Structures are given as C-alpha cells and as structure tokens.
All heavy atoms as atom14 arrays in JSON, in Angstrom:
{
  "sequence": "ENAIGFIYLIEFVDGMKYIGKKNLYSTRIMKSLKSGKARPNTIN",
  "atom14_mask": [
    [1, 1, 1, 1, 1, 1, 1, 1, 1, 0, 0, 0, 0, 0],
    [1, 1, 1, 1, 1, 1, 1, 1, 0, 0, 0, 0, 0, 0],
    [1, 1, 1, 1, 1, 0, 0, 0, 0, 0, 0, 0, 0, 0],
    [1, 1, 1, 1, 1, 1, 1, 1, 0, 0, 0, 0, 0, 0],
    [1, 1, 1, 1, 0, 0, 0, 0, 0, 0, 0, 0, 0, 0],
    [1, 1, 1, 1, 1, 1, 1, 1, 1, 1, 1, 0, 0, 0],
    [1, 1, 1, 1, 1, 1, 1, 1, 0, 0, 0, 0, 0, 0],
    [1, 1, 1, 1, 1, 1, 1, 1, 1, 1, 1, 1, 0, 0],
    [1, 1, 1, 1, 1, 1, 1, 1, 0, 0, 0, 0, 0, 0],
    [1, 1, 1, 1, 1, 1, 1, 1, 0, 0, 0, 0, 0, 0],
    [1, 1, 1, 1, 1, 1, 1, 1, 1, 0, 0, 0, 0, 0],
    [1, 1, 1, 1, 1, 1, 1, 1, 1, 1, 1, 0, 0, 0],
    [1, 1, 1, 1, 1, 1, 1, 0, 0, 0, 0, 0, 0, 0],
    [1, 1, 1, 1, 1, 1, 1, 1, 0, 0, 0, 0, 0, 0],
    [1, 1, 1, 1, 0, 0, 0, 0, 0, 0, 0, 0, 0, 0],
    [1, 1, 1, 1, 1, 1, 1, 1, 0, 0, 0, 0, 0, 0],
    [1, 1, 1, 1, 1, 1, 1, 1, 1, 0, 0, 0, 0, 0],
    [1, 1, 1, 1, 1, 1, 1, 1, 1, 1, 1, 1, 0, 0],
    [1, 1, 1, 1, 1, 1, 1, 1, 0, 0, 0, 0, 0, 0],
    [1, 1, 1, 1, 0, 0, 0, 0, 0, 0, 0, 0, 0, 0],
    [1, 1, 1, 1, 1, 1, 1, 1, 1, 0, 0, 0, 0, 0],
    [1, 1, 1, 1, 1, 1, 1, 1, 1, 0, 0, 0, 0, 0],
    [1, 1, 1, 1, 1, 1, 1, 1, 0, 0, 0, 0, 0, 0],
    [1, 1, 1, 1, 1, 1, 1, 1, 0, 0, 0, 0, 0, 0],
    [1, 1, 1, 1, 1, 1, 1, 1, 1, 1, 1, 1, 0, 0],
    [1, 1, 1, 1, 1, 1, 0, 0, 0, 0, 0, 0, 0, 0],
    [1, 1, 1, 1, 1, 1, 1, 0, 0, 0, 0, 0, 0, 0],
    [1, 1, 1, 1, 1, 1, 1, 1, 1, 1, 1, 0, 0, 0],
    [1, 1, 1, 1, 1, 1, 1, 1, 0, 0, 0, 0, 0, 0],
    [1, 1, 1, 1, 1, 1, 1, 1, 0, 0, 0, 0, 0, 0],
    [1, 1, 1, 1, 1, 1, 1, 1, 1, 0, 0, 0, 0, 0],
    [1, 1, 1, 1, 1, 1, 0, 0, 0, 0, 0, 0, 0, 0],
    [1, 1, 1, 1, 1, 1, 1, 1, 0, 0, 0, 0, 0, 0],
    [1, 1, 1, 1, 1, 1, 1, 1, 1, 0, 0, 0, 0, 0],
    [1, 1, 1, 1, 1, 1, 0, 0, 0, 0, 0, 0, 0, 0],
    [1, 1, 1, 1, 0, 0, 0, 0, 0, 0, 0, 0, 0, 0],
    [1, 1, 1, 1, 1, 1, 1, 1, 1, 0, 0, 0, 0, 0],
    [1, 1, 1, 1, 1, 0, 0, 0, 0, 0, 0, 0, 0, 0],
    [1, 1, 1, 1, 1, 1, 1, 1, 1, 1, 1, 0, 0, 0],
    [1, 1, 1, 1, 1, 1, 1, 0, 0, 0, 0, 0, 0, 0],
    [1, 1, 1, 1, 1, 1, 1, 1, 0, 0, 0, 0, 0, 0],
    [1, 1, 1, 1, 1, 1, 1, 0, 0, 0, 0, 0, 0, 0],
    [1, 1, 1, 1, 1, 1, 1, 1, 0, 0, 0, 0, 0, 0],
    [1, 1, 1, 1, 1, 1, 1, 1, 0, 0, 0, 0, 0, 0]
  ],
  "atom14_positions": [
    [[-5.51, 4.31, 0.22], [-5.36, 4.14, 1.66], [-5.78, 2.77, 2.19], [-5.09, 2.18, 3.01], [-6.17, 5.23, 2.38], [-5.96, 5.25, 3.86], [-6.7, 6.38, 4.53], [-6.9, 7.42, 3.91], [-7.08, 6.19, 5.71], [0.0, 0.0, 0.0], [0.0, 0.0, 0.0], [0.0, 0.0, 0.0], [0.0, 0.0, 0.0], [0.0, 0.0, 0.0]],
    [[-6.88, 2.23, 1.74], [-7.39, 0.97, 2.29], [-6.93, -0.27, 1.53], [-7.34, -1.38, 1.85], [-8.92, 1.0, 2.33], [-9.43, 2.06, 3.27], [-8.78, 2.35, 4.28], [-10.54, 2.67, 2.94], [0.0, 0.0, 0.0], [0.0, 0.0, 0.0], [0.0, 0.0, 0.0], [0.0, 0.0, 0.0], [0.0, 0.0, 0.0], [0.0, 0.0, 0.0]],
    [[-6.08, -0.09, 0.52], [-5.61, -1.24, -0.27], [-4.68, -2.11, 0.59], [-3.87, -1.6, 1.35], [-4.87, -0.76, -1.51], [0.0, 0.0, 0.0], [0.0, 0.0, 0.0], [0.0, 0.0, 0.0], [0.0, 0.0, 0.0], [0.0, 0.0, 0.0], [0.0, 0.0, 0.0], [0.0, 0.0, 0.0], [0.0, 0.0, 0.0], [0.0, 0.0, 0.0]],
    [[-4.85, -3.42, 0.47], [-3.98, -4.35, 1.22], [-2.99, -5.05, 0.29], [-2.05, -5.68, 0.74], [-4.8, -5.4, 2.0], [-5.64, -6.26, 1.05], [-5.67, -4.75, 3.04], [-5.23, -7.69, 1.09], [0.0, 0.0, 0.0], [0.0, 0.0, 0.0], [0.0, 0.0, 0.0], [0.0, 0.0, 0.0], [0.0, 0.0, 0.0], [0.0, 0.0, 0.0]],
    [[-3.21, -4.92, -1.02], [-2.31, -5.55, -1.98], [-2.71, -5.2, -3.41], [-3.61, -4.39, -3.62], [0.0, 0.0, 0.0], [0.0, 0.0, 0.0], [0.0, 0.0, 0.0], [0.0, 0.0, 0.0], [0.0, 0.0, 0.0], [0.0, 0.0, 0.0], [0.0, 0.0, 0.0], [0.0, 0.0, 0.0], [0.0, 0.0, 0.0], [0.0, 0.0, 0.0]],
    [[-2.01, -5.82, -4.36], [-2.32, -5.55, -5.76], [-2.0, -6.76, -6.63], [-1.24, -7.64, -6.25], [-1.58, -4.3, -6.26], [-0.08, -4.36, -6.1], [0.73, -4.98, -7.04], [0.53, -3.75, -5.01], [2.11, -5.02, -6.89], [1.91, -3.77, -4.86], [2.71, -4.41, -5.81], [0.0, 0.0, 0.0], [0.0, 0.0, 0.0], [0.0, 0.0, 0.0]],
    [[-2.58, -6.76, -7.82], [-2.3, -7.74, -8.85], [-1.29, -7.08, -9.79], [-1.43, -5.91, -10.13], [-3.58, -8.12, -9.64], [-4.69, -8.55, -8.69], [-3.28, -9.19, -10.68], [-4.33, -9.68, -7.76], [0.0, 0.0, 0.0], [0.0, 0.0, 0.0], [0.0, 0.0, 0.0], [0.0, 0.0, 0.0], [0.0, 0.0, 0.0], [0.0, 0.0, 0.0]],
    [[-0.26, -7.84, -10.18], [0.8, -7.24, -10.98], [1.13, -8.07, -12.21], [0.83, -9.26, -12.29], [2.06, -7.04, -10.14], [2.67, -8.33, -9.63], [3.53, -9.08, -10.43], [2.39, -8.81, -8.36], [4.08, -10.27, -9.96], [2.94, -9.99, -7.89], [3.79, -10.71, -8.7], [4.33, -11.88, -8.25], [0.0, 0.0, 0.0], [0.0, 0.0, 0.0]],
    [[1.76, -7.4, -13.17], [2.32, -8.03, -14.35], [3.76, -7.56, -14.44], [4.02, -6.36, -14.41], [1.56, -7.62, -15.61], [2.23, -7.94, -16.95], [2.3, -9.44, -17.19], [1.52, -7.26, -18.1], [0.0, 0.0, 0.0], [0.0, 0.0, 0.0], [0.0, 0.0, 0.0], [0.0, 0.0, 0.0], [0.0, 0.0, 0.0], [0.0, 0.0, 0.0]],
    [[4.69, -8.51, -14.53], [6.09, -8.17, -14.71], [6.52, -8.66, -16.08], [6.28, -9.81, -16.45], [6.98, -8.81, -13.62], [6.59, -8.26, -12.25], [8.45, -8.54, -13.9], [7.37, -8.84, -11.09], [0.0, 0.0, 0.0], [0.0, 0.0, 0.0], [0.0, 0.0, 0.0], [0.0, 0.0, 0.0], [0.0, 0.0, 0.0], [0.0, 0.0, 0.0]],
    [[7.14, -7.76, -16.84], [7.7, -8.11, -18.14], [9.22, -8.15, -18.01], [9.82, -7.25, -17.42], [7.31, -7.07, -19.2], [5.84, -7.01, -19.48], [5.47, -5.91, -20.46], [6.26, -4.95, -20.62], [4.4, -6.02, -21.05], [0.0, 0.0, 0.0], [0.0, 0.0, 0.0], [0.0, 0.0, 0.0], [0.0, 0.0, 0.0], [0.0, 0.0, 0.0]],
    [[9.83, -9.18, -18.58], [11.27, -9.33, -18.51], [11.89, -8.99, -19.87], [11.21, -9.02, -20.9], [11.62, -10.75, -18.09], [11.1, -11.1, -16.72], [9.89, -11.76, -16.58], [11.79, -10.72, -15.58], [9.38, -12.06, -15.32], [11.29, -11.02, -14.32], [10.09, -11.69, -14.19], [0.0, 0.0, 0.0], [0.0, 0.0, 0.0], [0.0, 0.0, 0.0]],
    [[13.17, -8.69, -19.87], [13.87, -8.29, -21.09], [13.82, -9.37, -22.16], [13.77, -9.07, -23.35], [15.35, -7.93, -20.79], [15.94, -7.12, -21.91], [15.5, -7.17, -19.5], [0.0, 0.0, 0.0], [0.0, 0.0, 0.0], [0.0, 0.0, 0.0], [0.0, 0.0, 0.0], [0.0, 0.0, 0.0], [0.0, 0.0, 0.0], [0.0, 0.0, 0.0]],
    [[13.8, -10.63, -21.75], [13.78, -11.74, -22.71], [12.4, -12.02, -23.3], [12.21, -12.97, -24.04], [14.35, -13.02, -22.08], [13.55, -13.51, -20.89], [12.51, -12.9, -20.55], [13.97, -14.51, -20.27], [0.0, 0.0, 0.0], [0.0, 0.0, 0.0], [0.0, 0.0, 0.0], [0.0, 0.0, 0.0], [0.0, 0.0, 0.0], [0.0, 0.0, 0.0]],
    [[11.4, -11.19, -22.95], [10.05, -11.34, -23.51], [9.1, -12.15, -22.65], [7.91, -12.21, -22.94], [0.0, 0.0, 0.0], [0.0, 0.0, 0.0], [0.0, 0.0, 0.0], [0.0, 0.0, 0.0], [0.0, 0.0, 0.0], [0.0, 0.0, 0.0], [0.0, 0.0, 0.0], [0.0, 0.0, 0.0], [0.0, 0.0, 0.0], [0.0, 0.0, 0.0]],
    [[9.6, -12.77, -21.6], [8.74, -13.55, -20.71], [7.95, -12.61, -19.8], [8.34, -11.46, -19.58], [9.57, -14.52, -19.87], [10.31, -15.56, -20.7], [9.23, -16.61, -21.68], [8.53, -17.65, -20.42], [0.0, 0.0, 0.0], [0.0, 0.0, 0.0], [0.0, 0.0, 0.0], [0.0, 0.0, 0.0], [0.0, 0.0, 0.0], [0.0, 0.0, 0.0]],
    [[6.82, -13.13, -19.27], [5.95, -12.34, -18.39], [5.55, -13.18, -17.19], [5.58, -14.41, -17.24], [4.68, -11.92, -19.14], [4.91, -11.06, -20.35], [3.61, -10.79, -21.07], [3.83, -10.0, -22.34], [2.57, -9.81, -23.07], [0.0, 0.0, 0.0], [0.0, 0.0, 0.0], [0.0, 0.0, 0.0], [0.0, 0.0, 0.0], [0.0, 0.0, 0.0]],
    [[5.12, -12.48, -16.14], [4.63, -13.17, -14.94], [3.52, -12.33, -14.31], [3.67, -11.12, -14.14], [5.77, -13.38, -13.93], [5.35, -14.22, -12.75], [5.22, -15.59, -12.85], [5.06, -13.62, -11.53], [4.82, -16.36, -11.78], [4.66, -14.38, -10.44], [4.55, -15.75, -10.57], [4.14, -16.51, -9.51], [0.0, 0.0, 0.0], [0.0, 0.0, 0.0]],
    [[2.41, -12.98, -13.96], [1.29, -12.31, -13.29], [1.17, -12.91, -11.9], [1.27, -14.12, -11.72], [-0.03, -12.51, -14.06], [0.05, -11.79, -15.41], [-1.22, -12.0, -13.25], [-1.17, -11.98, -16.28], [0.0, 0.0, 0.0], [0.0, 0.0, 0.0], [0.0, 0.0, 0.0], [0.0, 0.0, 0.0], [0.0, 0.0, 0.0], [0.0, 0.0, 0.0]],
    [[0.94, -12.05, -10.9], [0.8, -12.53, -9.54], [0.13, -11.51, -8.65], [-0.38, -10.49, -9.11], [0.0, 0.0, 0.0], [0.0, 0.0, 0.0], [0.0, 0.0, 0.0], [0.0, 0.0, 0.0], [0.0, 0.0, 0.0], [0.0, 0.0, 0.0], [0.0, 0.0, 0.0], [0.0, 0.0, 0.0], [0.0, 0.0, 0.0], [0.0, 0.0, 0.0]],
    [[0.15, -11.8, -7.34], [-0.42, -10.88, -6.36], [0.65, -10.55, -5.33], [1.57, -11.33, -5.1], [-1.63, -11.49, -5.67], [-1.31, -12.7, -4.81], [-2.57, -13.25, -4.15], [-2.23, -14.49, -3.32], [-3.41, -15.03, -2.65], [0.0, 0.0, 0.0], [0.0, 0.0, 0.0], [0.0, 0.0, 0.0], [0.0, 0.0, 0.0], [0.0, 0.0, 0.0]],
    [[0.54, -9.38, -4.72], [1.51, -8.98, -3.7], [0.78, -8.25, -2.58], [0.01, -7.32, -2.83], [2.57, -8.06, -4.32], [3.65, -7.66, -3.34], [4.43, -8.86, -2.87], [5.48, -8.48, -1.83], [5.93, -9.6, -1.05], [0.0, 0.0, 0.0], [0.0, 0.0, 0.0], [0.0, 0.0, 0.0], [0.0, 0.0, 0.0], [0.0, 0.0, 0.0]],
    [[1.03, -8.68, -1.35], [0.51, -7.98, -0.18], [1.39, -6.77, 0.1], [2.61, -6.84, -0.02], [0.53, -8.91, 1.05], [-0.54, -9.95, 0.98], [-1.71, -9.63, 0.83], [-0.15, -11.21, 1.09], [0.0, 0.0, 0.0], [0.0, 0.0, 0.0], [0.0, 0.0, 0.0], [0.0, 0.0, 0.0], [0.0, 0.0, 0.0], [0.0, 0.0, 0.0]],
    [[0.77, -5.69, 0.49], [1.52, -4.48, 0.82], [2.09, -4.51, 2.23], [3.06, -3.82, 2.53], [0.62, -3.25, 0.66], [0.21, -2.94, -0.77], [-0.9, -1.9, -0.79], [1.41, -2.46, -1.56], [0.0, 0.0, 0.0], [0.0, 0.0, 0.0], [0.0, 0.0, 0.0], [0.0, 0.0, 0.0], [0.0, 0.0, 0.0], [0.0, 0.0, 0.0]],
    [[1.46, -5.3, 3.1], [1.86, -5.35, 4.5], [1.99, -6.79, 4.96], [1.36, -7.69, 4.42], [0.83, -4.64, 5.39], [0.63, -3.2, 5.02], [-0.43, -2.81, 4.21], [1.5, -2.22, 5.47], [-0.61, -1.49, 3.86], [1.32, -0.9, 5.13], [0.26, -0.54, 4.32], [0.09, 0.77, 3.97], [0.0, 0.0, 0.0], [0.0, 0.0, 0.0]],
    [[2.8, -6.99, 5.99], [2.88, -8.29, 6.63], [2.77, -8.05, 8.13], [3.05, -6.95, 8.62], [4.21, -8.98, 6.31], [5.29, -8.22, 6.82], [0.0, 0.0, 0.0], [0.0, 0.0, 0.0], [0.0, 0.0, 0.0], [0.0, 0.0, 0.0], [0.0, 0.0, 0.0], [0.0, 0.0, 0.0], [0.0, 0.0, 0.0], [0.0, 0.0, 0.0]],
    [[2.32, -9.07, 8.85], [2.25, -8.95, 10.31], [3.23, -9.94, 10.92], [3.39, -11.05, 10.42], [0.83, -9.23, 10.85], [0.41, -10.5, 10.38], [-0.15, -8.18, 10.4], [0.0, 0.0, 0.0], [0.0, 0.0, 0.0], [0.0, 0.0, 0.0], [0.0, 0.0, 0.0], [0.0, 0.0, 0.0], [0.0, 0.0, 0.0], [0.0, 0.0, 0.0]],
    [[3.88, -9.49, 11.97], [4.85, -10.32, 12.68], [4.52, -10.28, 14.16], [4.05, -9.26, 14.68], [6.26, -9.79, 12.46], [6.74, -9.93, 11.05], [8.13, -9.4, 10.83], [9.05, -9.82, 11.9], [10.24, -9.28, 12.09], [10.66, -8.31, 11.32], [11.03, -9.71, 13.05], [0.0, 0.0, 0.0], [0.0, 0.0, 0.0], [0.0, 0.0, 0.0]],
    [[4.79, -11.38, 14.84], [4.62, -11.45, 16.29], [6.01, -11.33, 16.91], [6.89, -12.14, 16.63], [3.93, -12.75, 16.71], [2.53, -12.81, 16.09], [3.87, -12.86, 18.22], [1.82, -14.12, 16.3], [0.0, 0.0, 0.0], [0.0, 0.0, 0.0], [0.0, 0.0, 0.0], [0.0, 0.0, 0.0], [0.0, 0.0, 0.0], [0.0, 0.0, 0.0]],
    [[6.19, -10.29, 17.7], [7.5, -10.01, 18.29], [7.37, -9.87, 19.8], [6.38, -9.34, 20.29], [8.08, -8.73, 17.69], [8.2, -8.76, 16.17], [8.71, -7.21, 15.48], [10.43, -7.24, 15.89], [0.0, 0.0, 0.0], [0.0, 0.0, 0.0], [0.0, 0.0, 0.0], [0.0, 0.0, 0.0], [0.0, 0.0, 0.0], [0.0, 0.0, 0.0]],
    [[8.38, -10.32, 20.51], [8.4, -10.16, 21.96], [8.31, -8.69, 22.31], [8.94, -7.84, 21.67], [9.71, -10.73, 22.52], [9.52, -11.73, 23.6], [10.85, -12.25, 24.1], [10.58, -13.45, 24.97], [11.81, -14.04, 25.45], [0.0, 0.0, 0.0], [0.0, 0.0, 0.0], [0.0, 0.0, 0.0], [0.0, 0.0, 0.0], [0.0, 0.0, 0.0]],
    [[7.52, -8.36, 23.31], [7.37, -6.97, 23.71], [8.68, -6.43, 24.26], [9.53, -7.18, 24.76], [6.28, -6.85, 24.78], [5.04, -7.16, 24.22], [0.0, 0.0, 0.0], [0.0, 0.0, 0.0], [0.0, 0.0, 0.0], [0.0, 0.0, 0.0], [0.0, 0.0, 0.0], [0.0, 0.0, 0.0], [0.0, 0.0, 0.0], [0.0, 0.0, 0.0]],
    [[8.82, -5.13, 24.19], [10.01, -4.48, 24.73], [10.04, -4.58, 26.25], [9.0, -4.6, 26.9], [10.03, -3.0, 24.31], [10.03, -2.74, 22.81], [9.86, -1.25, 22.53], [11.31, -3.25, 22.18], [0.0, 0.0, 0.0], [0.0, 0.0, 0.0], [0.0, 0.0, 0.0], [0.0, 0.0, 0.0], [0.0, 0.0, 0.0], [0.0, 0.0, 0.0]],
    [[11.23, -4.64, 26.82], [11.37, -4.75, 28.27], [10.81, -3.53, 28.98], [10.38, -3.61, 30.12], [12.84, -4.95, 28.64], [13.36, -6.32, 28.28], [14.79, -6.51, 28.74], [15.26, -7.9, 28.38], [16.63, -8.15, 28.83], [0.0, 0.0, 0.0], [0.0, 0.0, 0.0], [0.0, 0.0, 0.0], [0.0, 0.0, 0.0], [0.0, 0.0, 0.0]],
    [[10.79, -2.39, 28.29], [10.28, -1.17, 28.9], [8.76, -1.22, 29.09], [8.2, -0.41, 29.82], [10.63, 0.04, 28.04], [9.96, -0.05, 26.79], [0.0, 0.0, 0.0], [0.0, 0.0, 0.0], [0.0, 0.0, 0.0], [0.0, 0.0, 0.0], [0.0, 0.0, 0.0], [0.0, 0.0, 0.0], [0.0, 0.0, 0.0], [0.0, 0.0, 0.0]],
    [[8.1, -2.17, 28.42], [6.65, -2.29, 28.51], [5.92, -1.45, 27.48], [4.71, -1.56, 27.33], [0.0, 0.0, 0.0], [0.0, 0.0, 0.0], [0.0, 0.0, 0.0], [0.0, 0.0, 0.0], [0.0, 0.0, 0.0], [0.0, 0.0, 0.0], [0.0, 0.0, 0.0], [0.0, 0.0, 0.0], [0.0, 0.0, 0.0], [0.0, 0.0, 0.0]],
    [[6.65, -0.62, 26.76], [6.03, 0.19, 25.71], [5.8, -0.66, 24.47], [6.55, -1.6, 24.19], [6.94, 1.38, 25.35], [7.08, 2.37, 26.48], [7.94, 3.53, 26.04], [8.11, 4.52, 27.18], [8.98, 5.64, 26.78], [0.0, 0.0, 0.0], [0.0, 0.0, 0.0], [0.0, 0.0, 0.0], [0.0, 0.0, 0.0], [0.0, 0.0, 0.0]],
    [[4.79, -0.31, 23.73], [4.49, -1.03, 22.49], [5.5, -0.64, 21.41], [5.96, 0.5, 21.36], [3.08, -0.72, 22.03], [0.0, 0.0, 0.0], [0.0, 0.0, 0.0], [0.0, 0.0, 0.0], [0.0, 0.0, 0.0], [0.0, 0.0, 0.0], [0.0, 0.0, 0.0], [0.0, 0.0, 0.0], [0.0, 0.0, 0.0], [0.0, 0.0, 0.0]],
    [[5.83, -1.59, 20.56], [6.71, -1.31, 19.43], [5.98, -0.4, 18.45], [4.75, -0.38, 18.41], [7.07, -2.6, 18.71], [7.93, -3.53, 19.52], [8.18, -4.82, 18.73], [8.98, -5.74, 19.49], [10.3, -5.73, 19.52], [10.96, -4.85, 18.82], [10.97, -6.6, 20.25], [0.0, 0.0, 0.0], [0.0, 0.0, 0.0], [0.0, 0.0, 0.0]],
    [[6.73, 0.32, 17.62], [6.08, 1.11, 16.57], [5.26, 0.2, 15.65], [5.67, -0.93, 15.38], [7.27, 1.73, 15.81], [8.4, 1.68, 16.77], [8.17, 0.5, 17.65], [0.0, 0.0, 0.0], [0.0, 0.0, 0.0], [0.0, 0.0, 0.0], [0.0, 0.0, 0.0], [0.0, 0.0, 0.0], [0.0, 0.0, 0.0], [0.0, 0.0, 0.0]],
    [[4.14, 0.66, 15.18], [3.25, -0.07, 14.27], [2.58, -1.28, 14.9], [2.12, -2.17, 14.2], [3.98, -0.49, 12.99], [4.56, 0.68, 12.25], [3.98, 1.75, 12.22], [5.71, 0.49, 11.67], [0.0, 0.0, 0.0], [0.0, 0.0, 0.0], [0.0, 0.0, 0.0], [0.0, 0.0, 0.0], [0.0, 0.0, 0.0], [0.0, 0.0, 0.0]],
    [[2.5, -1.33, 16.24], [1.81, -2.43, 16.9], [0.31, -2.26, 16.69], [-0.25, -1.19, 16.93], [2.14, -2.45, 18.41], [3.53, -2.69, 18.56], [1.36, -3.54, 19.12], [0.0, 0.0, 0.0], [0.0, 0.0, 0.0], [0.0, 0.0, 0.0], [0.0, 0.0, 0.0], [0.0, 0.0, 0.0], [0.0, 0.0, 0.0], [0.0, 0.0, 0.0]],
    [[-0.33, -3.34, 16.24], [-1.78, -3.28, 16.01], [-2.57, -4.09, 17.02], [-3.78, -3.96, 17.11], [-2.13, -3.73, 14.57], [-1.64, -5.15, 14.31], [-1.6, -2.75, 13.55], [-2.09, -5.75, 13.0], [0.0, 0.0, 0.0], [0.0, 0.0, 0.0], [0.0, 0.0, 0.0], [0.0, 0.0, 0.0], [0.0, 0.0, 0.0], [0.0, 0.0, 0.0]],
    [[-1.87, -4.94, 17.8], [-2.54, -5.78, 18.78], [-1.5, -6.39, 19.71], [-0.3, -6.26, 19.49], [-3.34, -6.88, 18.07], [-4.48, -7.4, 18.89], [-4.64, -7.05, 20.06], [-5.28, -8.27, 18.31], [0.0, 0.0, 0.0], [0.0, 0.0, 0.0], [0.0, 0.0, 0.0], [0.0, 0.0, 0.0], [0.0, 0.0, 0.0], [0.0, 0.0, 0.0]]
  ]
}
C-alpha cells in the first residue's frame, strides 16, 4: 500500500540485462474543471 516505486531487473532475449527504478505514480498539474469540482485523484 505505501510503496511509491520499485527497483527492477529486466532480462532480454539476447541475454542483455538492465537494472533501474520505477515510480508507481506521477503527479500532474491540471487546470481545474469549469464546474469547480475537483478532478478524480486530486491530492492538492
């Protein structure tokens, strides 16, 4: 529940590998709706 991301290993068919990190969520700033209601998933 409280995880914000993870460390991963990707293996490719040709035998190469890649290690990295990935965020599970992103935040975007969007213009508010004309109705004045908050968009779904608004945190601030």
